[in-house]
Amino acid sequence: MYTPGEKSLRIKIEPIVIIFLAVLFLSACEPDTRNKLAPANPHNSFSSESSVSQSKADESKQAFVNGKTELGYSSIGWDDLIPEDELEILMNPPEYLSDIVEGSDADRVGESGGVSGALPSDDKYQQALQSVNVRGEIDGKAVRVPGFVVPLEFDDNQVITQFFLVPYFGACIHMPPPPPNQIILVNYSTGLELDALYDPIWISGMLKVSLTENSLGRSAYSMDMHMYEPYI
């Protein structure tokens, strides 16, 4: 869990991100692009300085007491969004992933994120990669969660008013999306200004269980964001 002053991201999703990116390396990447992907270690991929406007950062700085901000937002990790049984499945990927032959039918990633091709449709690991199952106990909770932005909508001034928050850089754009229960649809009418999409941010607001689909992916959660700040 994050504590003030840390430079590396401290969220419990680390093993999931590593495992999911490992699947993508095995099944989604062309040979000449594998070394260009974001690092699998989230300590590296979340460690860059953010260039979100300083005024917004200053007004949203908060002290932490027992895992909560002064404004009442509970700081959570991405594995808090996924059911425990599916987390266990993703933490223990099947051995057949290492046996997939490059270029084979199995060596493809479907539009929804799971490894497609010749693999059985009832495979629990593949189902977990595409799961819309959620943790109902966090529905309606005020939370604070870190991640990367995938823009969806802009206002007349070309600032971002709707986006997906995802646990690693490149998701939904350069690589297949994470499982829907690892994507949050975020609305922010004020408009989000980022100099670079590879800058991670913290977002705060009321988290809701809500299934949404569009051309970039499916999200099992949504949030009307109250505030954001750079991840430092």
C-alpha atoms as a PDB file:
ATOM      1  CA  MET A   1       0.000   0.000   0.000  1.00  0.00           C
ATOM      2  CA  TYR A   2       1.202   3.481  -0.849  1.00  0.00           C
ATOM      3  CA  THR A   3       2.749   5.661   1.803  1.00  0.00           C
ATOM      4  CA  PRO A   4       3.747   9.320   1.274  1.00  0.00           C
ATOM      5  CA  GLY A   5       7.271   9.892   0.011  1.00  0.00           C
ATOM      6  CA  GLU A   6       7.706   6.582  -1.787  1.00  0.00           C
ATOM      7  CA  LYS A   7       8.929   6.906  -5.347  1.00  0.00           C
ATOM      8  CA  SER A   8       7.821   3.459  -6.439  1.00  0.00           C
ATOM      9  CA  LEU A   9       4.184   2.492  -6.638  1.00  0.00           C
ATOM     10  CA  ARG A  10       3.149   0.292  -3.708  1.00  0.00           C
ATOM     11  CA  ILE A  11      -0.072  -1.419  -4.740  1.00  0.00           C
ATOM     12  CA  LYS A  12      -0.918  -5.063  -4.415  1.00  0.00           C
ATOM     13  CA  ILE A  13      -1.617  -5.564  -8.146  1.00  0.00           C
ATOM     14  CA  GLU A  14       2.094  -6.134  -8.880  1.00  0.00           C
ATOM     15  CA  PRO A  15       1.876  -9.932  -9.438  1.00  0.00           C
ATOM     16  CA  ILE A  16      -1.226  -9.582 -11.630  1.00  0.00           C
ATOM     17  CA  VAL A  17       0.389  -6.970 -13.853  1.00  0.00           C
ATOM     18  CA  ILE A  18       3.537  -9.057 -14.197  1.00  0.00           C
ATOM     19  CA  ILE A  19       1.550 -12.194 -15.049  1.00  0.00           C
ATOM     20  CA  PHE A  20      -0.782 -10.435 -17.472  1.00  0.00           C
ATOM     21  CA  LEU A  21       2.062  -8.703 -19.276  1.00  0.00           C
ATOM     22  CA  ALA A  22       3.895 -12.016 -19.447  1.00  0.00           C
ATOM     23  CA  VAL A  23       0.885 -13.468 -21.279  1.00  0.00           C
ATOM     24  CA  LEU A  24       0.994 -10.563 -23.711  1.00  0.00           C
ATOM     25  CA  PHE A  25       4.688 -11.088 -24.348  1.00  0.00           C
ATOM     26  CA  LEU A  26       3.947 -14.736 -25.141  1.00  0.00           C
ATOM     27  CA  SER A  27       0.868 -14.274 -27.258  1.00  0.00           C
ATOM     28  CA  ALA A  28       0.297 -10.726 -28.461  1.00  0.00           C
ATOM     29  CA  CYS A  29       3.547  -9.199 -29.667  1.00  0.00           C
ATOM     30  CA  GLU A  30       5.347  -9.301 -32.962  1.00  0.00           C
ATOM     31  CA  PRO A  31       9.024 -10.334 -32.595  1.00  0.00           C
ATOM     32  CA  ASP A  32      10.388  -6.883 -33.496  1.00  0.00           C
ATOM     33  CA  THR A  33       8.237  -5.048 -30.941  1.00  0.00           C
ATOM     34  CA  ARG A  34       8.611  -7.166 -27.828  1.00  0.00           C
ATOM     35  CA  ASN A  35      11.545  -5.172 -26.517  1.00  0.00           C
ATOM     36  CA  LYS A  36       9.636  -1.900 -26.925  1.00  0.00           C
ATOM     37  CA  LEU A  37       6.802  -2.670 -24.555  1.00  0.00           C
ATOM     38  CA  ALA A  38       6.405  -1.072 -21.151  1.00  0.00           C
ATOM     39  CA  PRO A  39       8.356  -2.940 -18.461  1.00  0.00           C
ATOM     40  CA  ALA A  40       6.532  -5.729 -16.690  1.00  0.00           C
ATOM     41  CA  ASN A  41       7.672  -4.475 -13.292  1.00  0.00           C
ATOM     42  CA  PRO A  42       5.116  -1.862 -12.198  1.00  0.00           C
ATOM     43  CA  HIS A  43       7.712  -0.258  -9.931  1.00  0.00           C
ATOM     44  CA  ASN A  44       9.392   0.863 -13.159  1.00  0.00           C
ATOM     45  CA  SER A  45       6.294   1.648 -15.190  1.00  0.00           C
ATOM     46  CA  PHE A  46       4.771   3.784 -12.425  1.00  0.00           C
ATOM     47  CA  SER A  47       7.912   5.601 -11.384  1.00  0.00           C
ATOM     48  CA  SER A  48       8.040   8.515 -13.839  1.00  0.00           C
ATOM     49  CA  GLU A  49       7.503  12.112 -12.713  1.00  0.00           C
ATOM     50  CA  SER A  50       4.019  13.333 -13.621  1.00  0.00           C
ATOM     51  CA  SER A  51       3.506  16.636 -15.388  1.00  0.00           C
ATOM     52  CA  VAL A  52      -0.115  17.181 -14.372  1.00  0.00           C
ATOM     53  CA  SER A  53      -0.738  20.874 -13.732  1.00  0.00           C
ATOM     54  CA  GLN A  54       0.879  21.939 -10.463  1.00  0.00           C
ATOM     55  CA  SER A  55      -2.146  23.929  -9.330  1.00  0.00           C
ATOM     56  CA  LYS A  56      -4.345  20.824  -9.384  1.00  0.00           C
ATOM     57  CA  ALA A  57      -1.622  18.834  -7.656  1.00  0.00           C
ATOM     58  CA  ASP A  58      -1.240  21.404  -4.890  1.00  0.00           C
ATOM     59  CA  GLU A  59      -4.950  21.603  -4.139  1.00  0.00           C
ATOM     60  CA  SER A  60      -5.268  17.820  -3.955  1.00  0.00           C
ATOM     61  CA  LYS A  61      -2.331  17.006  -1.690  1.00  0.00           C
ATOM     62  CA  GLN A  62      -3.607  15.166   1.373  1.00  0.00           C
ATOM     63  CA  ALA A  63      -2.274  13.554   4.541  1.00  0.00           C
ATOM     64  CA  PHE A  64      -2.907   9.868   5.188  1.00  0.00           C
ATOM     65  CA  VAL A  65      -4.319   8.436   8.398  1.00  0.00           C
ATOM     66  CA  ASN A  66      -4.934   4.685   8.655  1.00  0.00           C
ATOM     67  CA  GLY A  67      -5.032   4.264   4.880  1.00  0.00           C
ATOM     68  CA  LYS A  68      -7.461   7.144   4.269  1.00  0.00           C
ATOM     69  CA  THR A  69      -6.977  10.698   3.102  1.00  0.00           C
ATOM     70  CA  GLU A  70      -8.154  13.670   5.116  1.00  0.00           C
ATOM     71  CA  LEU A  71     -11.036  13.951   2.651  1.00  0.00           C
ATOM     72  CA  GLY A  72     -12.154  10.399   3.353  1.00  0.00           C
ATOM     73  CA  TYR A  73     -10.917   8.536   0.271  1.00  0.00           C
ATOM     74  CA  SER A  74      -9.634   5.027   0.981  1.00  0.00           C
ATOM     75  CA  SER A  75      -6.464   4.233  -0.961  1.00  0.00           C
ATOM     76  CA  ILE A  76      -6.915   0.892  -2.769  1.00  0.00           C
ATOM     77  CA  GLY A  77      -4.953  -1.358  -5.104  1.00  0.00           C
ATOM     78  CA  TRP A  78      -6.102  -3.017  -8.307  1.00  0.00           C
ATOM     79  CA  ASP A  79      -6.443  -6.422  -6.698  1.00  0.00           C
ATOM     80  CA  ASP A  80      -9.126  -4.927  -4.448  1.00  0.00           C
ATOM     81  CA  LEU A  81     -11.303  -4.853  -7.588  1.00  0.00           C
ATOM     82  CA  ILE A  82     -11.009  -8.521  -8.500  1.00  0.00           C
ATOM     83  CA  PRO A  83     -12.736 -11.485  -6.775  1.00  0.00           C
ATOM     84  CA  GLU A  84     -10.355 -13.520  -4.627  1.00  0.00           C
ATOM     85  CA  ASP A  85     -10.896 -16.771  -6.543  1.00  0.00           C
ATOM     86  CA  GLU A  86     -10.018 -15.105  -9.849  1.00  0.00           C
ATOM     87  CA  LEU A  87      -7.019 -13.427  -8.261  1.00  0.00           C
ATOM     88  CA  GLU A  88      -5.786 -16.857  -7.207  1.00  0.00           C
ATOM     89  CA  ILE A  89      -6.228 -18.157 -10.764  1.00  0.00           C
ATOM     90  CA  LEU A  90      -4.291 -15.261 -12.291  1.00  0.00           C
ATOM     91  CA  MET A  91      -1.545 -15.637  -9.699  1.00  0.00           C
ATOM     92  CA  ASN A  92      -1.051 -19.232 -10.842  1.00  0.00           C
ATOM     93  CA  PRO A  93      -1.073 -19.243 -14.668  1.00  0.00           C
ATOM     94  CA  PRO A  94      -1.307 -22.646 -16.392  1.00  0.00           C
ATOM     95  CA  GLU A  95       1.822 -24.361 -17.668  1.00  0.00           C
ATOM     96  CA  TYR A  96       0.518 -24.523 -21.238  1.00  0.00           C
ATOM     97  CA  LEU A  97       1.261 -20.811 -21.715  1.00  0.00           C
ATOM     98  CA  SER A  98       4.972 -21.584 -21.915  1.00  0.00           C
ATOM     99  CA  ASP A  99       4.287 -24.334 -24.477  1.00  0.00           C
ATOM    100  CA  ILE A 100       2.395 -22.180 -26.986  1.00  0.00           C
ATOM    101  CA  VAL A 101       4.161 -22.154 -30.356  1.00  0.00           C
ATOM    102  CA  GLU A 102       4.690 -18.683 -31.822  1.00  0.00           C
ATOM    103  CA  GLY A 103       2.415 -18.122 -34.815  1.00  0.00           C
ATOM    104  CA  SER A 104       0.029 -20.942 -33.907  1.00  0.00           C
ATOM    105  CA  ASP A 105      -3.742 -20.546 -33.474  1.00  0.00           C
ATOM    106  CA  ALA A 106      -3.217 -20.383 -29.724  1.00  0.00           C
ATOM    107  CA  ASP A 107      -0.631 -17.618 -30.139  1.00  0.00           C
ATOM    108  CA  ARG A 108      -3.251 -14.912 -30.526  1.00  0.00           C
ATOM    109  CA  VAL A 109      -5.035 -12.573 -28.168  1.00  0.00           C
ATOM    110  CA  GLY A 110      -8.742 -12.042 -28.695  1.00  0.00           C
ATOM    111  CA  GLU A 111     -10.362  -8.621 -28.815  1.00  0.00           C
ATOM    112  CA  SER A 112     -11.572  -9.055 -25.252  1.00  0.00           C
ATOM    113  CA  GLY A 113      -8.087  -9.751 -23.930  1.00  0.00           C
ATOM    114  CA  GLY A 114      -7.967 -13.515 -23.432  1.00  0.00           C
ATOM    115  CA  VAL A 115      -5.649 -15.815 -25.351  1.00  0.00           C
ATOM    116  CA  SER A 116      -7.757 -17.066 -28.256  1.00  0.00           C
ATOM    117  CA  GLY A 117      -7.382 -19.690 -30.955  1.00  0.00           C
ATOM    118  CA  ALA A 118      -7.328 -23.372 -30.108  1.00  0.00           C
ATOM    119  CA  LEU A 119      -7.662 -23.016 -26.336  1.00  0.00           C
ATOM    120  CA  PRO A 120     -10.831 -24.348 -24.654  1.00  0.00           C
ATOM    121  CA  SER A 121     -13.575 -21.798 -24.004  1.00  0.00           C
ATOM    122  CA  ASP A 122     -14.153 -23.166 -20.486  1.00  0.00           C
ATOM    123  CA  ASP A 123     -10.540 -22.616 -19.425  1.00  0.00           C
ATOM    124  CA  LYS A 124     -10.678 -20.849 -16.047  1.00  0.00           C
ATOM    125  CA  TYR A 125      -7.549 -18.812 -16.733  1.00  0.00           C
ATOM    126  CA  GLN A 126      -8.942 -17.488 -20.016  1.00  0.00           C
ATOM    127  CA  GLN A 127     -12.225 -16.710 -18.293  1.00  0.00           C
ATOM    128  CA  ALA A 128     -10.392 -14.756 -15.588  1.00  0.00           C
ATOM    129  CA  LEU A 129      -8.621 -12.693 -18.267  1.00  0.00           C
ATOM    130  CA  GLN A 130     -12.026 -11.622 -19.607  1.00  0.00           C
ATOM    131  CA  SER A 131     -13.976 -11.512 -16.352  1.00  0.00           C
ATOM    132  CA  VAL A 132     -16.624  -8.922 -15.556  1.00  0.00           C
ATOM    133  CA  ASN A 133     -17.039 -10.264 -12.012  1.00  0.00           C
ATOM    134  CA  VAL A 134     -16.620  -7.577  -9.376  1.00  0.00           C
ATOM    135  CA  ARG A 135     -16.209  -6.977  -5.656  1.00  0.00           C
ATOM    136  CA  GLY A 136     -19.656  -5.773  -4.660  1.00  0.00           C
ATOM    137  CA  GLU A 137     -18.524  -4.556  -1.245  1.00  0.00           C
ATOM    138  CA  ILE A 138     -16.684  -1.585  -2.779  1.00  0.00           C
ATOM    139  CA  ASP A 139     -19.670  -0.397  -4.814  1.00  0.00           C
ATOM    140  CA  GLY A 140     -20.438   3.184  -3.815  1.00  0.00           C
ATOM    141  CA  LYS A 141     -17.232   3.637  -1.809  1.00  0.00           C
ATOM    142  CA  ALA A 142     -15.085   6.781  -1.877  1.00  0.00           C
ATOM    143  CA  VAL A 143     -11.692   5.558  -3.064  1.00  0.00           C
ATOM    144  CA  ARG A 144      -8.333   6.720  -4.351  1.00  0.00           C
ATOM    145  CA  VAL A 145      -6.579   4.525  -6.929  1.00  0.00           C
ATOM    146  CA  PRO A 146      -3.504   4.972  -9.162  1.00  0.00           C
ATOM    147  CA  GLY A 147      -3.224   4.143 -12.838  1.00  0.00           C
ATOM    148  CA  PHE A 148      -2.697   5.213 -16.437  1.00  0.00           C
ATOM    149  CA  VAL A 149      -5.120   7.141 -18.654  1.00  0.00           C
ATOM    150  CA  VAL A 150      -6.645   5.873 -21.919  1.00  0.00           C
ATOM    151  CA  PRO A 151      -8.560   8.887 -23.363  1.00  0.00           C
ATOM    152  CA  LEU A 152     -12.081   8.314 -24.687  1.00  0.00           C
ATOM    153  CA  GLU A 153     -13.738  11.738 -24.992  1.00  0.00           C
ATOM    154  CA  PHE A 154     -12.571  15.375 -25.173  1.00  0.00           C
ATOM    155  CA  ASP A 155     -14.273  18.756 -24.797  1.00  0.00           C
ATOM    156  CA  ASP A 156     -14.022  21.711 -27.189  1.00  0.00           C
ATOM    157  CA  ASN A 157     -10.673  22.664 -25.665  1.00  0.00           C
ATOM    158  CA  GLN A 158      -9.325  19.157 -26.268  1.00  0.00           C
ATOM    159  CA  VAL A 159      -8.992  18.275 -22.602  1.00  0.00           C
ATOM    160  CA  ILE A 160      -9.973  14.762 -21.562  1.00  0.00           C
ATOM    161  CA  THR A 161     -13.482  14.446 -20.108  1.00  0.00           C
ATOM    162  CA  GLN A 162     -13.829  10.660 -20.173  1.00  0.00           C
ATOM    163  CA  PHE A 163     -11.177   7.954 -19.986  1.00  0.00           C
ATOM    164  CA  PHE A 164     -10.354   4.438 -18.911  1.00  0.00           C
ATOM    165  CA  LEU A 165      -8.041   4.105 -15.922  1.00  0.00           C
ATOM    166  CA  VAL A 166      -5.866   1.003 -16.340  1.00  0.00           C
ATOM    167  CA  PRO A 167      -3.081  -0.595 -14.257  1.00  0.00           C
ATOM    168  CA  TYR A 168      -0.278  -0.424 -16.845  1.00  0.00           C
ATOM    169  CA  PHE A 169       0.812   1.854 -19.668  1.00  0.00           C
ATOM    170  CA  GLY A 170      -0.231   0.942 -23.212  1.00  0.00           C
ATOM    171  CA  ALA A 171      -3.337  -1.033 -22.235  1.00  0.00           C
ATOM    172  CA  CYS A 172      -6.199  -0.846 -24.779  1.00  0.00           C
ATOM    173  CA  ILE A 173      -3.984   1.007 -27.284  1.00  0.00           C
ATOM    174  CA  HIS A 174      -0.672  -0.769 -27.889  1.00  0.00           C
ATOM    175  CA  MET A 175      -1.692  -3.978 -26.148  1.00  0.00           C
ATOM    176  CA  PRO A 176      -4.979  -5.812 -25.523  1.00  0.00           C
ATOM    177  CA  PRO A 177      -7.011  -4.521 -22.583  1.00  0.00           C
ATOM    178  CA  PRO A 178      -6.799  -5.907 -19.052  1.00  0.00           C
ATOM    179  CA  PRO A 179      -9.784  -7.884 -17.731  1.00  0.00           C
ATOM    180  CA  PRO A 180     -12.895  -5.666 -17.482  1.00  0.00           C
ATOM    181  CA  ASN A 181     -12.683  -5.869 -13.690  1.00  0.00           C
ATOM    182  CA  GLN A 182      -9.274  -4.202 -13.999  1.00  0.00           C
ATOM    183  CA  ILE A 183     -10.582  -1.180 -15.934  1.00  0.00           C
ATOM    184  CA  ILE A 184     -12.408   1.856 -14.529  1.00  0.00           C
ATOM    185  CA  LEU A 185     -14.472   4.152 -16.769  1.00  0.00           C
ATOM    186  CA  VAL A 186     -13.892   7.679 -15.442  1.00  0.00           C
ATOM    187  CA  ASN A 187     -15.954  10.809 -16.144  1.00  0.00           C
ATOM    188  CA  TYR A 188     -14.580  14.252 -15.330  1.00  0.00           C
ATOM    189  CA  SER A 189     -16.508  17.182 -16.830  1.00  0.00           C
ATOM    190  CA  THR A 190     -13.925  19.727 -15.632  1.00  0.00           C
ATOM    191  CA  GLY A 191     -11.380  18.148 -17.953  1.00  0.00           C
ATOM    192  CA  LEU A 192      -8.140  16.282 -17.322  1.00  0.00           C
ATOM    193  CA  GLU A 193      -4.928  17.856 -18.624  1.00  0.00           C
ATOM    194  CA  LEU A 194      -1.870  15.644 -19.072  1.00  0.00           C
ATOM    195  CA  ASP A 195       1.301  16.443 -20.974  1.00  0.00           C
ATOM    196  CA  ALA A 196       1.992  12.747 -21.532  1.00  0.00           C
ATOM    197  CA  LEU A 197      -0.167   9.632 -21.247  1.00  0.00           C
ATOM    198  CA  TYR A 198       2.729   7.690 -19.748  1.00  0.00           C
ATOM    199  CA  ASP A 199       2.488   9.850 -16.620  1.00  0.00           C
ATOM    200  CA  PRO A 200       0.498   7.905 -13.982  1.00  0.00           C
ATOM    201  CA  ILE A 201      -1.968   9.691 -11.737  1.00  0.00           C
ATOM    202  CA  TRP A 202      -4.030   9.114  -8.616  1.00  0.00           C
ATOM    203  CA  ILE A 203      -7.781   9.582  -9.045  1.00  0.00           C
ATOM    204  CA  SER A 204     -10.324  10.052  -6.257  1.00  0.00           C
ATOM    205  CA  GLY A 205     -14.081   9.689  -6.361  1.00  0.00           C
ATOM    206  CA  MET A 206     -17.063   7.418  -5.813  1.00  0.00           C
ATOM    207  CA  LEU A 207     -16.463   3.977  -7.326  1.00  0.00           C
ATOM    208  CA  LYS A 208     -19.464   2.206  -8.850  1.00  0.00           C
ATOM    209  CA  VAL A 209     -20.069  -1.267 -10.248  1.00  0.00           C
ATOM    210  CA  SER A 210     -21.092  -0.530 -13.840  1.00  0.00           C
ATOM    211  CA  LEU A 211     -20.432  -2.524 -17.023  1.00  0.00           C
ATOM    212  CA  THR A 212     -19.501  -0.410 -20.057  1.00  0.00           C
ATOM    213  CA  GLU A 213     -18.370  -1.481 -23.531  1.00  0.00           C
ATOM    214  CA  ASN A 214     -16.765   0.451 -26.372  1.00  0.00           C
ATOM    215  CA  SER A 215     -14.266  -0.132 -29.170  1.00  0.00           C
ATOM    216  CA  LEU A 216     -11.267   0.040 -26.814  1.00  0.00           C
ATOM    217  CA  GLY A 217     -12.510  -2.395 -24.202  1.00  0.00           C
ATOM    218  CA  ARG A 218     -14.989  -3.231 -21.467  1.00  0.00           C
ATOM    219  CA  SER A 219     -14.948  -1.830 -17.945  1.00  0.00           C
ATOM    220  CA  ALA A 220     -16.709  -3.354 -14.956  1.00  0.00           C
ATOM    221  CA  TYR A 221     -16.367  -0.227 -12.801  1.00  0.00           C
ATOM    222  CA  SER A 222     -17.023   3.479 -13.263  1.00  0.00           C
ATOM    223  CA  MET A 223     -16.264   6.674 -11.367  1.00  0.00           C
ATOM    224  CA  ASP A 224     -17.342  10.303 -11.482  1.00  0.00           C
ATOM    225  CA  MET A 225     -13.947  11.665 -10.541  1.00  0.00           C
ATOM    226  CA  HIS A 226     -13.801  14.362  -7.865  1.00  0.00           C
ATOM    227  CA  MET A 227     -10.090  15.136  -8.138  1.00  0.00           C
ATOM    228  CA  TYR A 228      -6.795  13.893  -9.490  1.00  0.00           C
ATOM    229  CA  GLU A 229      -3.136  14.357  -8.677  1.00  0.00           C
ATOM    230  CA  PRO A 230       0.197  13.214 -10.095  1.00  0.00           C
ATOM    231  CA  TYR A 231       1.649   9.948  -8.919  1.00  0.00           C
ATOM    232  CA  ILE A 232       4.895  10.921  -7.189  1.00  0.00           C
END
